Structures are given as structure tokens and as C-alpha cells.
PDB file of N, CA and C in Angstrom:
ATOM      1  N   MET A   1     -28.148   7.544  13.675  1.00  0.00           N
ATOM      2  CA  MET A   1     -27.729   6.176  13.832  1.00  0.00           C
ATOM      3  C   MET A   1     -26.215   6.052  13.789  1.00  0.00           C
ATOM      4  N   GLY A   2     -25.512   6.933  13.093  1.00  0.00           N
ATOM      5  CA  GLY A   2     -24.057   6.878  13.052  1.00  0.00           C
ATOM      6  C   GLY A   2     -23.533   6.146  11.838  1.00  0.00           C
ATOM      7  N   ARG A   3     -22.219   6.109  11.744  1.00  0.00           N
ATOM      8  CA  ARG A   3     -21.563   5.447  10.624  1.00  0.00           C
ATOM      9  C   ARG A   3     -21.519   3.944  10.834  1.00  0.00           C
ATOM     10  N   PRO A   4     -21.514   3.187   9.747  1.00  0.00           N
ATOM     11  CA  PRO A   4     -21.402   1.730   9.899  1.00  0.00           C
ATOM     12  C   PRO A   4     -20.009   1.356  10.392  1.00  0.00           C
ATOM     13  N   GLY A   5     -19.898   0.241  11.057  1.00  0.00           N
ATOM     14  CA  GLY A   5     -18.611  -0.247  11.544  1.00  0.00           C
ATOM     15  C   GLY A   5     -17.731  -0.677  10.388  1.00  0.00           C
ATOM     16  N   PRO A   6     -16.444  -0.938  10.656  1.00  0.00           N
ATOM     17  CA  PRO A   6     -15.508  -1.297   9.595  1.00  0.00           C
ATOM     18  C   PRO A   6     -15.937  -2.505   8.770  1.00  0.00           C
ATOM     19  N   SER A   7     -16.539  -3.504   9.399  1.00  0.00           N
ATOM     20  CA  SER A   7     -16.916  -4.698   8.638  1.00  0.00           C
ATOM     21  C   SER A   7     -18.025  -4.391   7.645  1.00  0.00           C
ATOM     22  N   VAL A   8     -18.956  -3.529   8.016  1.00  0.00           N
ATOM     23  CA  VAL A   8     -20.031  -3.152   7.099  1.00  0.00           C
ATOM     24  C   VAL A   8     -19.466  -2.305   5.963  1.00  0.00           C
ATOM     25  N   ALA A   9     -18.590  -1.363   6.292  1.00  0.00           N
ATOM     26  CA  ALA A   9     -18.000  -0.509   5.259  1.00  0.00           C
ATOM     27  C   ALA A   9     -17.164  -1.340   4.294  1.00  0.00           C
ATOM     28  N   ALA A  10     -16.398  -2.300   4.792  1.00  0.00           N
ATOM     29  CA  ALA A  10     -15.558  -3.142   3.941  1.00  0.00           C
ATOM     30  C   ALA A  10     -16.419  -4.020   3.039  1.00  0.00           C
ATOM     31  N   ALA A  11     -17.532  -4.481   3.534  1.00  0.00           N
ATOM     32  CA  ALA A  11     -18.413  -5.338   2.740  1.00  0.00           C
ATOM     33  C   ALA A  11     -19.010  -4.566   1.560  1.00  0.00           C
ATOM     34  N   ASN A  12     -19.163  -3.249   1.705  1.00  0.00           N
ATOM     35  CA  ASN A  12     -19.749  -2.424   0.656  1.00  0.00           C
ATOM     36  C   ASN A  12     -18.716  -1.794  -0.263  1.00  0.00           C
ATOM     37  N   PHE A  13     -17.430  -2.033  -0.025  1.00  0.00           N
ATOM     38  CA  PHE A  13     -16.360  -1.413  -0.807  1.00  0.00           C
ATOM     39  C   PHE A  13     -16.123  -2.207  -2.082  1.00  0.00           C
ATOM     40  N   ASN A  14     -16.130  -1.538  -3.205  1.00  0.00           N
ATOM     41  CA  ASN A  14     -15.906  -2.183  -4.491  1.00  0.00           C
ATOM     42  C   ASN A  14     -14.727  -1.482  -5.166  1.00  0.00           C
ATOM     43  N   THR A  15     -13.593  -2.178  -5.255  1.00  0.00           N
ATOM     44  CA  THR A  15     -12.377  -1.587  -5.805  1.00  0.00           C
ATOM     45  C   THR A  15     -12.576  -1.094  -7.229  1.00  0.00           C
ATOM     46  N   ALA A  16     -13.251  -1.873  -8.052  1.00  0.00           N
ATOM     47  CA  ALA A  16     -13.468  -1.470  -9.452  1.00  0.00           C
ATOM     48  C   ALA A  16     -14.265  -0.169  -9.536  1.00  0.00           C
ATOM     49  N   ASP A  17     -15.289  -0.046  -8.702  1.00  0.00           N
ATOM     50  CA  ASP A  17     -16.085   1.190  -8.692  1.00  0.00           C
ATOM     51  C   ASP A  17     -15.242   2.381  -8.245  1.00  0.00           C
ATOM     52  N   GLU A  18     -14.408   2.168  -7.224  1.00  0.00           N
ATOM     53  CA  GLU A  18     -13.562   3.258  -6.727  1.00  0.00           C
ATOM     54  C   GLU A  18     -12.567   3.706  -7.787  1.00  0.00           C
ATOM     55  N   ARG A  19     -11.961   2.757  -8.498  1.00  0.00           N
ATOM     56  CA  ARG A  19     -11.019   3.119  -9.562  1.00  0.00           C
ATOM     57  C   ARG A  19     -11.721   3.912 -10.656  1.00  0.00           C
ATOM     58  N   LYS A  20     -12.913   3.492 -11.011  1.00  0.00           N
ATOM     59  CA  LYS A  20     -13.659   4.214 -12.048  1.00  0.00           C
ATOM     60  C   LYS A  20     -13.979   5.639 -11.582  1.00  0.00           C
ATOM     61  N   ASP A  21     -14.366   5.770 -10.315  1.00  0.00           N
ATOM     62  CA  ASP A  21     -14.691   7.091  -9.768  1.00  0.00           C
ATOM     63  C   ASP A  21     -13.478   8.027  -9.752  1.00  0.00           C
ATOM     64  N   ARG A  22     -12.275   7.454  -9.708  1.00  0.00           N
ATOM     65  CA  ARG A  22     -11.057   8.267  -9.594  1.00  0.00           C
ATOM     66  C   ARG A  22     -10.296   8.417 -10.906  1.00  0.00           C
ATOM     67  N   GLU A  23     -10.845   7.910 -11.997  1.00  0.00           N
ATOM     68  CA  GLU A  23     -10.154   7.979 -13.291  1.00  0.00           C
ATOM     69  C   GLU A  23      -9.774   9.405 -13.681  1.00  0.00           C
ATOM     70  N   ASP A  24     -10.603  10.362 -13.330  1.00  0.00           N
ATOM     71  CA  ASP A  24     -10.321  11.745 -13.706  1.00  0.00           C
ATOM     72  C   ASP A  24      -9.129  12.326 -12.947  1.00  0.00           C
ATOM     73  N   LEU A  25      -8.667  11.663 -11.911  1.00  0.00           N
ATOM     74  CA  LEU A  25      -7.522  12.143 -11.136  1.00  0.00           C
ATOM     75  C   LEU A  25      -6.185  11.667 -11.702  1.00  0.00           C
ATOM     76  N   VAL A  26      -6.194  10.703 -12.621  1.00  0.00           N
ATOM     77  CA  VAL A  26      -4.947  10.156 -13.173  1.00  0.00           C
ATOM     78  C   VAL A  26      -4.088  11.253 -13.792  1.00  0.00           C
ATOM     79  N   SER A  27      -4.705  12.194 -14.470  1.00  0.00           N
ATOM     80  CA  SER A  27      -3.934  13.261 -15.124  1.00  0.00           C
ATOM     81  C   SER A  27      -3.211  14.154 -14.116  1.00  0.00           C
ATOM     82  N   LEU A  28      -3.639  14.140 -12.864  1.00  0.00           N
ATOM     83  CA  LEU A  28      -3.009  14.955 -11.826  1.00  0.00           C
ATOM     84  C   LEU A  28      -1.879  14.225 -11.096  1.00  0.00           C
ATOM     85  N   ALA A  29      -1.742  12.929 -11.345  1.00  0.00           N
ATOM     86  CA  ALA A  29      -0.743  12.129 -10.637  1.00  0.00           C
ATOM     87  C   ALA A  29       0.664  12.534 -11.047  1.00  0.00           C
ATOM     88  N   LYS A  30       1.562  12.568 -10.073  1.00  0.00           N
ATOM     89  CA  LYS A  30       2.970  12.881 -10.307  1.00  0.00           C
ATOM     90  C   LYS A  30       3.791  11.619 -10.067  1.00  0.00           C
ATOM     91  N   PRO A  31       4.880  11.409 -10.821  1.00  0.00           N
ATOM     92  CA  PRO A  31       5.752  10.266 -10.560  1.00  0.00           C
ATOM     93  C   PRO A  31       6.279  10.307  -9.121  1.00  0.00           C
ATOM     94  N   GLN A  32       6.407   9.145  -8.520  1.00  0.00           N
ATOM     95  CA  GLN A  32       6.841   9.066  -7.126  1.00  0.00           C
ATOM     96  C   GLN A  32       8.001   8.084  -6.987  1.00  0.00           C
ATOM     97  N   GLY A  33       8.870   8.370  -6.041  1.00  0.00           N
ATOM     98  CA  GLY A  33       9.973   7.465  -5.745  1.00  0.00           C
ATOM     99  C   GLY A  33       9.466   6.229  -5.036  1.00  0.00           C
ATOM    100  N   GLY A  34      10.008   5.081  -5.394  1.00  0.00           N
ATOM    101  CA  GLY A  34       9.666   3.851  -4.698  1.00  0.00           C
ATOM    102  C   GLY A  34       8.712   2.945  -5.431  1.00  0.00           C
ATOM    103  N   VAL A  35       8.080   3.412  -6.488  1.00  0.00           N
ATOM    104  CA  VAL A  35       7.140   2.563  -7.225  1.00  0.00           C
ATOM    105  C   VAL A  35       7.871   1.328  -7.738  1.00  0.00           C
ATOM    106  N   ASP A  36       9.002   1.541  -8.413  1.00  0.00           N
ATOM    107  CA  ASP A  36       9.773   0.408  -8.928  1.00  0.00           C
ATOM    108  C   ASP A  36      10.444  -0.378  -7.800  1.00  0.00           C
ATOM    109  N   ALA A  37      10.896   0.318  -6.755  1.00  0.00           N
ATOM    110  CA  ALA A  37      11.578  -0.351  -5.642  1.00  0.00           C
ATOM    111  C   ALA A  37      10.652  -1.313  -4.915  1.00  0.00           C
ATOM    112  N   LEU A  38       9.374  -1.000  -4.829  1.00  0.00           N
ATOM    113  CA  LEU A  38       8.419  -1.849  -4.114  1.00  0.00           C
ATOM    114  C   LEU A  38       7.742  -2.883  -5.008  1.00  0.00           C
ATOM    115  N   ALA A  39       7.883  -2.756  -6.311  1.00  0.00           N
ATOM    116  CA  ALA A  39       7.180  -3.646  -7.239  1.00  0.00           C
ATOM    117  C   ALA A  39       7.484  -5.115  -6.971  1.00  0.00           C
ATOM    118  N   GLY A  40       8.710  -5.442  -6.622  1.00  0.00           N
ATOM    119  CA  GLY A  40       9.083  -6.828  -6.365  1.00  0.00           C
ATOM    120  C   GLY A  40       8.430  -7.420  -5.132  1.00  0.00           C
ATOM    121  N   LEU A  41       7.996  -6.569  -4.209  1.00  0.00           N
ATOM    122  CA  LEU A  41       7.343  -7.042  -2.994  1.00  0.00           C
ATOM    123  C   LEU A  41       5.866  -7.367  -3.219  1.00  0.00           C
ATOM    124  N   PHE A  42       5.331  -6.963  -4.360  1.00  0.00           N
ATOM    125  CA  PHE A  42       3.928  -7.191  -4.689  1.00  0.00           C
ATOM    126  C   PHE A  42       3.830  -7.830  -6.077  1.00  0.00           C
ATOM    127  N   PRO A  43       4.267  -9.089  -6.202  1.00  0.00           N
ATOM    128  CA  PRO A  43       4.337  -9.724  -7.525  1.00  0.00           C
ATOM    129  C   PRO A  43       2.979  -9.894  -8.214  1.00  0.00           C
ATOM    130  N   ASN A  44       1.904  -9.927  -7.465  1.00  0.00           N
ATOM    131  CA  ASN A  44       0.574 -10.106  -8.062  1.00  0.00           C
ATOM    132  C   ASN A  44      -0.129  -8.787  -8.361  1.00  0.00           C
ATOM    133  N   ALA A  45       0.515  -7.676  -8.051  1.00  0.00           N
ATOM    134  CA  ALA A  45      -0.110  -6.367  -8.268  1.00  0.00           C
ATOM    135  C   ALA A  45      -0.161  -6.045  -9.758  1.00  0.00           C
ATOM    136  N   LYS A  46      -1.226  -5.380 -10.142  1.00  0.00           N
ATOM    137  CA  LYS A  46      -1.384  -4.943 -11.525  1.00  0.00           C
ATOM    138  C   LYS A  46      -1.008  -3.465 -11.606  1.00  0.00           C
ATOM    139  N   PRO A  47      -0.315  -3.063 -12.673  1.00  0.00           N
ATOM    140  CA  PRO A  47       0.043  -1.641 -12.809  1.00  0.00           C
ATOM    141  C   PRO A  47      -1.208  -0.754 -12.813  1.00  0.00           C
ATOM    142  N   LEU A  48      -1.088   0.396 -12.189  1.00  0.00           N
ATOM    143  CA  LEU A  48      -2.191   1.350 -12.142  1.00  0.00           C
ATOM    144  C   LEU A  48      -1.851   2.557 -13.003  1.00  0.00           C
ATOM    145  N   PRO A  49      -2.793   3.038 -13.778  1.00  0.00           N
ATOM    146  CA  PRO A  49      -2.543   4.265 -14.541  1.00  0.00           C
ATOM    147  C   PRO A  49      -2.195   5.400 -13.582  1.00  0.00           C
ATOM    148  N   GLY A  50      -1.135   6.129 -13.897  1.00  0.00           N
ATOM    149  CA  GLY A  50      -0.735   7.254 -13.067  1.00  0.00           C
ATOM    150  C   GLY A  50       0.274   6.909 -11.990  1.00  0.00           C
ATOM    151  N   ALA A  51       0.424   5.634 -11.661  1.00  0.00           N
ATOM    152  CA  ALA A  51       1.395   5.228 -10.633  1.00  0.00           C
ATOM    153  C   ALA A  51       2.708   4.897 -11.329  1.00  0.00           C
ATOM    154  N   THR A  52       3.550   5.912 -11.489  1.00  0.00           N
ATOM    155  CA  THR A  52       4.823   5.735 -12.175  1.00  0.00           C
ATOM    156  C   THR A  52       5.973   6.142 -11.270  1.00  0.00           C
ATOM    157  N   ASP A  53       7.125   5.546 -11.515  1.00  0.00           N
ATOM    158  CA  ASP A  53       8.310   5.842 -10.730  1.00  0.00           C
ATOM    159  C   ASP A  53       8.958   7.131 -11.239  1.00  0.00           C
ATOM    160  N   ASN A  54       9.622   7.852 -10.332  1.00  0.00           N
ATOM    161  CA  ASN A  54      10.257   9.110 -10.730  1.00  0.00           C
ATOM    162  C   ASN A  54      11.688   8.922 -11.223  1.00  0.00           C
ATOM    163  N   GLY A  55      12.170   7.688 -11.267  1.00  0.00           N
ATOM    164  CA  GLY A  55      13.497   7.423 -11.798  1.00  0.00           C
ATOM    165  C   GLY A  55      14.631   7.560 -10.799  1.00  0.00           C
ATOM    166  N   ASP A  56      14.329   7.837  -9.543  1.00  0.00           N
ATOM    167  CA  ASP A  56      15.366   7.964  -8.522  1.00  0.00           C
ATOM    168  C   ASP A  56      15.888   6.573  -8.175  1.00  0.00           C
ATOM    169  N   ALA A  57      17.068   6.228  -8.687  1.00  0.00           N
ATOM    170  CA  ALA A  57      17.635   4.888  -8.486  1.00  0.00           C
ATOM    171  C   ALA A  57      18.066   4.659  -7.041  1.00  0.00           C
ATOM    172  N   ALA A  58      18.167   5.709  -6.249  1.00  0.00           N
ATOM    173  CA  ALA A  58      18.582   5.567  -4.851  1.00  0.00           C
ATOM    174  C   ALA A  58      17.420   5.205  -3.930  1.00  0.00           C
ATOM    175  N   THR A  59      16.199   5.227  -4.427  1.00  0.00           N
ATOM    176  CA  THR A  59      15.036   4.921  -3.600  1.00  0.00           C
ATOM    177  C   THR A  59      15.007   3.431  -3.300  1.00  0.00           C
ATOM    178  N   ARG A  60      14.845   3.102  -2.030  1.00  0.00           N
ATOM    179  CA  ARG A  60      14.780   1.709  -1.587  1.00  0.00           C
ATOM    180  C   ARG A  60      13.597   1.551  -0.643  1.00  0.00           C
ATOM    181  N   PRO A  61      13.054   0.332  -0.538  1.00  0.00           N
ATOM    182  CA  PRO A  61      11.998   0.110   0.458  1.00  0.00           C
ATOM    183  C   PRO A  61      12.542   0.374   1.866  1.00  0.00           C
ATOM    184  N   VAL A  62      11.688   0.818   2.743  1.00  0.00           N
ATOM    185  CA  VAL A  62      12.078   1.052   4.137  1.00  0.00           C
ATOM    186  C   VAL A  62      12.361  -0.289   4.796  1.00  0.00           C
ATOM    187  N   PRO A  63      13.530  -0.446   5.430  1.00  0.00           N
ATOM    188  CA  PRO A  63      13.815  -1.714   6.104  1.00  0.00           C
ATOM    189  C   PRO A  63      12.826  -1.965   7.245  1.00  0.00           C
ATOM    190  N   THR A  64      12.421  -3.195   7.396  1.00  0.00           N
ATOM    191  CA  THR A  64      11.525  -3.575   8.485  1.00  0.00           C
ATOM    192  C   THR A  64      12.077  -4.816   9.171  1.00  0.00           C
ATOM    193  N   PHE A  65      11.584  -5.089  10.348  1.00  0.00           N
ATOM    194  CA  PHE A  65      11.959  -6.314  11.031  1.00  0.00           C
ATOM    195  C   PHE A  65      10.764  -6.809  11.810  1.00  0.00           C
ATOM    196  N   GLY A  66      10.783  -8.073  12.143  1.00  0.00           N
ATOM    197  CA  GLY A  66       9.693  -8.662  12.913  1.00  0.00           C
ATOM    198  C   GLY A  66      10.227  -9.252  14.204  1.00  0.00           C
ATOM    199  N   MET A  67       9.350  -9.446  15.133  1.00  0.00           N
ATOM    200  CA  MET A  67       9.712 -10.043  16.410  1.00  0.00           C
ATOM    201  C   MET A  67       8.828 -11.258  16.631  1.00  0.00           C
ATOM    202  N   LYS A  68       9.416 -12.324  17.151  1.00  0.00           N
ATOM    203  CA  LYS A  68       8.667 -13.539  17.425  1.00  0.00           C
ATOM    204  C   LYS A  68       8.295 -13.591  18.895  1.00  0.00           C
ATOM    205  N   ASP A  69       7.129 -14.168  19.167  1.00  0.00           N
ATOM    206  CA  ASP A  69       6.752 -14.448  20.542  1.00  0.00           C
ATOM    207  C   ASP A  69       7.478 -15.730  20.956  1.00  0.00           C
ATOM    208  N   GLY A  70       7.736 -15.863  22.234  1.00  0.00           N
ATOM    209  CA  GLY A  70       8.337 -17.117  22.667  1.00  0.00           C
ATOM    210  C   GLY A  70       9.230 -16.950  23.870  1.00  0.00           C
ATOM    211  N   GLN A  71      10.153 -17.888  23.993  1.00  0.00           N
ATOM    212  CA  GLN A  71      11.024 -17.982  25.155  1.00  0.00           C
ATOM    213  C   GLN A  71      12.066 -16.885  25.235  1.00  0.00           C
ATOM    214  N   ASP A  72      12.315 -16.154  24.176  1.00  0.00           N
ATOM    215  CA  ASP A  72      13.399 -15.194  24.140  1.00  0.00           C
ATOM    216  C   ASP A  72      13.021 -13.818  24.704  1.00  0.00           C
ATOM    217  N   LYS A  73      11.999 -13.772  25.525  1.00  0.00           N
ATOM    218  CA  LYS A  73      11.577 -12.495  26.102  1.00  0.00           C
ATOM    219  C   LYS A  73      12.515 -12.123  27.255  1.00  0.00           C
ATOM    220  N   PRO A  74      12.743 -10.825  27.468  1.00  0.00           N
ATOM    221  CA  PRO A  74      13.575 -10.416  28.590  1.00  0.00           C
ATOM    222  C   PRO A  74      13.008 -10.887  29.922  1.00  0.00           C
ATOM    223  N   THR A  75      13.876 -11.273  30.809  1.00  0.00           N
ATOM    224  CA  THR A  75      13.425 -11.758  32.112  1.00  0.00           C
ATOM    225  C   THR A  75      13.472 -10.680  33.176  1.00  0.00           C
ATOM    226  N   GLY A  76      14.094  -9.533  32.859  1.00  0.00           N
ATOM    227  CA  GLY A  76      14.184  -8.454  33.840  1.00  0.00           C
ATOM    228  C   GLY A  76      15.340  -8.609  34.814  1.00  0.00           C
ATOM    229  N   ARG A  77      16.169  -9.613  34.616  1.00  0.00           N
ATOM    230  CA  ARG A  77      17.313  -9.798  35.528  1.00  0.00           C
ATOM    231  C   ARG A  77      18.516  -9.061  35.049  1.00  0.00           C
TER     232      ARG A  77
END
């Protein structure tokens, strides 16, 4: 029959169950650059065990930009 589509898989996904299943991996986690740098972009996020910053003060979020649809599209002239 095959694998379920994304909507079926998402409906069956339980974050709490997944975290519990992965608790034994916390001891293997290594500090990573960017944890503190990105924290301000996710104000509602809860700290996760094992997700710690490596202390590199030079780490910054990757700059991004967006584009709007509208009249400012190139005309080819």
C-alpha cells in the first residue's frame, strides 16, 4: 500500500512522545553555535535538554531577505 502522505503522517506525530523516545540521546548532544543567537527569533520556544550554546560570541543568525509580489517585477526592457 505504501507510506502515508504527509498529512496522515503529521496527524499521527506527537512531539511529546518523540521527545520521550529521544531522551537517551541527550547525553550525546554537543554544544552548538547559534543556539543563543537564534533564541530571540523564537520567543515562545521552551529550552530543550541538550540544546546548549558553545559560547562562540561571533555566531550570528544567517541573514535572510524576502521578496514581495507586485508591480516591481522586471519588465525585460
